[in-house]
Protein backbone atom coordinates (compact mmCIF):
# COMPACT_ATOMS: atom_id res chain seq x y z
CA MET A 1 99.17 49.59 135.56
CA PRO A 2 98.81 49.29 139.31
CA LYS A 3 95.26 49.05 140.56
CA ILE A 4 95.48 52.24 142.64
CA VAL A 5 96.70 54.28 139.65
CA LEU A 6 93.86 52.99 137.52
CA GLN A 7 91.37 53.83 140.22
CA LEU A 8 92.73 57.34 140.43
CA TYR A 9 92.63 57.67 136.65
CA ARG A 10 88.86 56.59 136.67
CA GLN A 11 88.07 58.98 139.48
CA ARG A 12 89.84 62.04 138.10
CA CYS A 13 89.51 61.80 134.31
CA GLY A 14 86.51 62.08 132.01
CA ARG A 15 87.26 61.24 128.32
CA VAL A 16 85.41 61.63 125.01
CA TRP A 17 87.26 59.78 122.24
CA GLN A 18 86.74 60.73 118.56
CA ASP A 19 85.19 57.25 117.90
CA MET A 20 83.19 57.71 121.22
CA LYS A 21 83.87 54.10 122.49
CA LEU A 22 80.24 53.55 123.35
CA LEU A 23 78.84 50.13 124.12
CA LEU A 24 76.50 49.98 121.07
CA SER A 25 74.36 47.11 122.39
CA GLU A 26 73.63 48.98 125.65
CA THR A 27 71.15 51.75 126.31
CA VAL A 28 72.04 55.36 126.79
CA ALA A 29 71.67 55.14 130.58
CA GLU A 30 73.79 52.06 130.67
CA ASN A 31 76.62 53.78 128.81
CA VAL A 32 76.52 56.78 131.08
CA ARG A 33 76.44 54.59 134.15
CA LEU A 34 79.75 52.95 133.39
CA PRO A 35 82.15 55.48 135.15
CA LEU A 36 79.92 55.49 138.18
CA GLU A 37 79.92 51.68 138.48
CA ALA A 38 83.81 51.70 138.02
CA LEU A 39 83.90 53.89 141.15
CA GLY A 40 81.44 51.65 143.13
CA GLN A 41 78.48 54.09 142.87
CA TYR A 42 75.17 52.33 142.36
CA GLY A 43 71.51 52.81 143.28
CA LYS A 44 69.39 55.77 143.76
CA THR A 45 72.29 58.31 143.83
CA ALA A 46 73.74 57.01 140.69
CA ASN A 47 70.42 57.03 138.94
CA GLU A 48 69.65 60.53 139.96
CA ARG A 49 73.01 61.75 138.72
CA ILE A 50 72.49 59.93 135.36
CA GLU A 51 69.04 61.56 134.97
CA GLU A 52 70.50 64.98 135.88
CA VAL A 53 73.23 64.70 133.20
CA LEU A 54 70.92 63.34 130.56
CA SER A 55 68.39 66.05 131.25
CA GLU A 56 71.04 68.72 130.95
CA LEU A 57 72.09 67.37 127.47
CA GLY A 58 68.51 66.95 126.24
CA LEU A 59 68.68 63.14 126.32
CA SER A 60 66.17 62.38 129.14
CA GLN A 61 63.70 60.75 126.65
CA LYS A 62 66.50 58.64 125.31
CA ALA A 63 67.65 56.90 128.56
CA LYS A 64 66.24 53.51 127.60
CA VAL A 65 67.09 53.60 123.95
CA ALA A 66 69.93 51.48 122.54
CA VAL A 67 72.89 53.54 121.42
CA THR A 68 72.70 51.84 117.95
CA ASN A 69 69.31 53.50 117.38
CA LEU A 70 70.70 57.07 117.80
CA PRO A 71 72.06 59.29 115.23
CA MET A 72 75.82 60.22 115.51
CA SER A 73 75.17 63.68 116.98
CA GLU A 74 73.18 62.03 119.89
CA ARG A 75 75.89 59.35 120.31
CA ALA A 76 78.41 62.15 120.82
CA LEU A 77 76.18 63.55 123.59
CA VAL A 78 75.99 60.17 125.19
CA ALA A 79 79.80 59.99 125.13
CA PHE A 80 80.01 63.50 126.62
CA ALA A 81 77.48 62.59 129.34
CA ARG A 82 79.55 59.55 130.25
CA ALA A 83 82.70 61.76 130.48
CA ILE A 84 81.12 64.25 133.01
CA VAL A 85 78.72 62.04 135.05
CA HIS A 86 81.25 61.31 137.80
CA LYS A 87 82.45 65.01 138.01
CA PRO A 88 86.06 64.40 137.07
CA SER A 89 88.77 66.97 137.72
CA ILE A 90 90.16 66.42 134.23
CA LEU A 91 88.11 66.36 131.03
CA ILE A 92 89.69 65.33 127.70
CA ILE A 93 87.57 65.76 124.62
CA ASP A 94 88.82 64.56 121.23
CA ASP A 95 87.21 66.44 118.35
CA LEU A 96 83.54 65.58 118.56
CA TRP A 97 82.52 69.11 117.50
CA SER A 98 81.90 68.66 113.85
CA ILE A 99 78.96 66.27 114.39
CA LEU A 100 77.12 68.45 116.99
CA GLY A 101 74.40 70.94 116.14
CA PRO A 102 74.52 74.61 117.35
CA GLU A 103 72.27 73.90 120.35
CA SER A 104 74.31 70.99 121.54
CA LEU A 105 77.56 73.02 121.13
CA GLU A 106 76.17 75.80 123.29
CA ASN A 107 75.01 73.34 125.85
CA ILE A 108 78.46 71.65 126.01
CA ALA A 109 80.25 75.05 126.08
CA ARG A 110 78.09 76.07 129.07
CA ILE A 111 78.89 72.80 130.87
CA LEU A 112 82.58 73.03 130.12
CA GLU A 113 82.70 76.53 131.44
CA ARG A 114 80.84 75.52 134.60
CA GLU A 115 83.28 72.61 135.08
CA SER A 116 86.23 74.77 134.49
CA ILE A 117 85.08 77.36 136.99
CA ALA A 118 84.57 74.44 139.48
CA GLY A 119 88.23 73.63 139.11
CA ALA A 120 88.29 71.00 136.37
CA SER A 121 91.07 71.14 133.77
CA VAL A 122 89.45 70.96 130.30
CA ILE A 123 91.47 69.81 127.27
CA CYS A 124 89.70 69.80 123.89
CA ALA A 125 91.12 68.67 120.60
CA ALA A 126 89.57 70.21 117.51
CA ARG A 127 90.45 70.59 113.92
CA ASP A 128 88.44 73.75 113.54
CA GLU A 129 90.05 76.80 115.22
CA ASN A 130 86.65 78.43 115.59
CA ILE A 131 85.79 75.92 118.26
CA ALA A 132 88.43 77.48 120.62
CA GLU A 133 86.88 80.91 119.91
CA PHE A 134 83.36 79.59 120.39
CA LEU A 135 84.41 77.97 123.75
CA ASP A 136 86.32 81.13 124.74
CA ALA A 137 89.35 78.95 125.23
CA ARG A 138 93.12 79.28 124.86
CA LEU A 139 94.15 77.88 121.50
CA LEU A 140 97.29 75.85 121.18
CA LYS A 141 98.35 74.69 117.72
CA LEU A 142 100.10 71.24 117.64
CA ARG A 143 102.06 69.43 114.98
CA ASP A 144 103.23 65.90 115.59
CA GLY A 145 102.67 66.39 119.32
CA THR A 146 104.67 69.69 119.50
CA ILE A 147 103.21 73.06 120.24
CA ILE A 148 103.85 75.20 117.19
CA ALA A 149 101.80 78.17 118.26
CA ASP A 150 100.45 79.56 121.52
CA PRO A 151 99.05 83.13 121.16
CA ALA A 152 98.58 83.41 124.84
CA HIS A 153 102.25 82.65 125.57
CA VAL A 154 104.21 85.91 125.71
CA GLN A 155 107.89 85.56 125.84
CA THR A 156 109.56 87.72 128.51
CA HIS A 157 113.22 88.68 128.43
CA HIS A 158 114.89 89.05 131.78
CA ILE A 159 118.00 91.16 132.12
CA ALA A 160 120.06 89.74 134.84
CA ALA A 161 123.13 91.40 136.25
CA GLN A 162 126.27 89.22 136.47
CA PRO A 163 126.69 88.00 140.06
CA THR A 164 129.82 90.17 140.53
CA GLU A 165 127.99 93.28 139.37
CA TRP A 166 125.06 92.52 141.74
CA GLN A 167 127.52 91.86 144.64
CA GLY A 168 129.42 95.04 143.76
CA SER A 169 126.30 97.23 143.73
CA GLN A 170 125.16 95.71 146.97
CA ALA A 171 128.50 96.29 148.46
CA SER A 172 128.56 99.96 147.52
CA GLN A 173 125.02 100.42 148.95
CA ALA A 174 126.11 98.89 152.28
CA THR A 175 128.84 101.42 152.80
């Protein structure tokens, strides 16, 4: 992948993978810092942003804790924090919902709504259809990578006149 494409991808995309892809030997803050470092953001500004995101997710007290010492639900929050810390324009979240408690789900829903209103595209994968309802989101059903149901998609039927009919009606109106 060309370096410029990789840089754009890093800038614009925040991802949460189902297996979270955290660096288990690193602390919470070090994991969340990764996207900022990839973008060349260091120092006080980066630290303040990390603190802001961790606070919003209820992880402030865990900043210096190694990820291996966290339960799965908190690891999921760390992965989410890492995905949003650099304010991406695209968020992709792969089915982390089942391991989160109600309070964390509400927190994430509020953050996703805020990011969406700010212009970010949010794509969430979930096995549970209730997640889409909870997030107040459009629900697409996929099978083998193909959309099999989209309740928001309404088919419209257009009735178009044949070109000769259209030209004929236009010609009669012109006289």
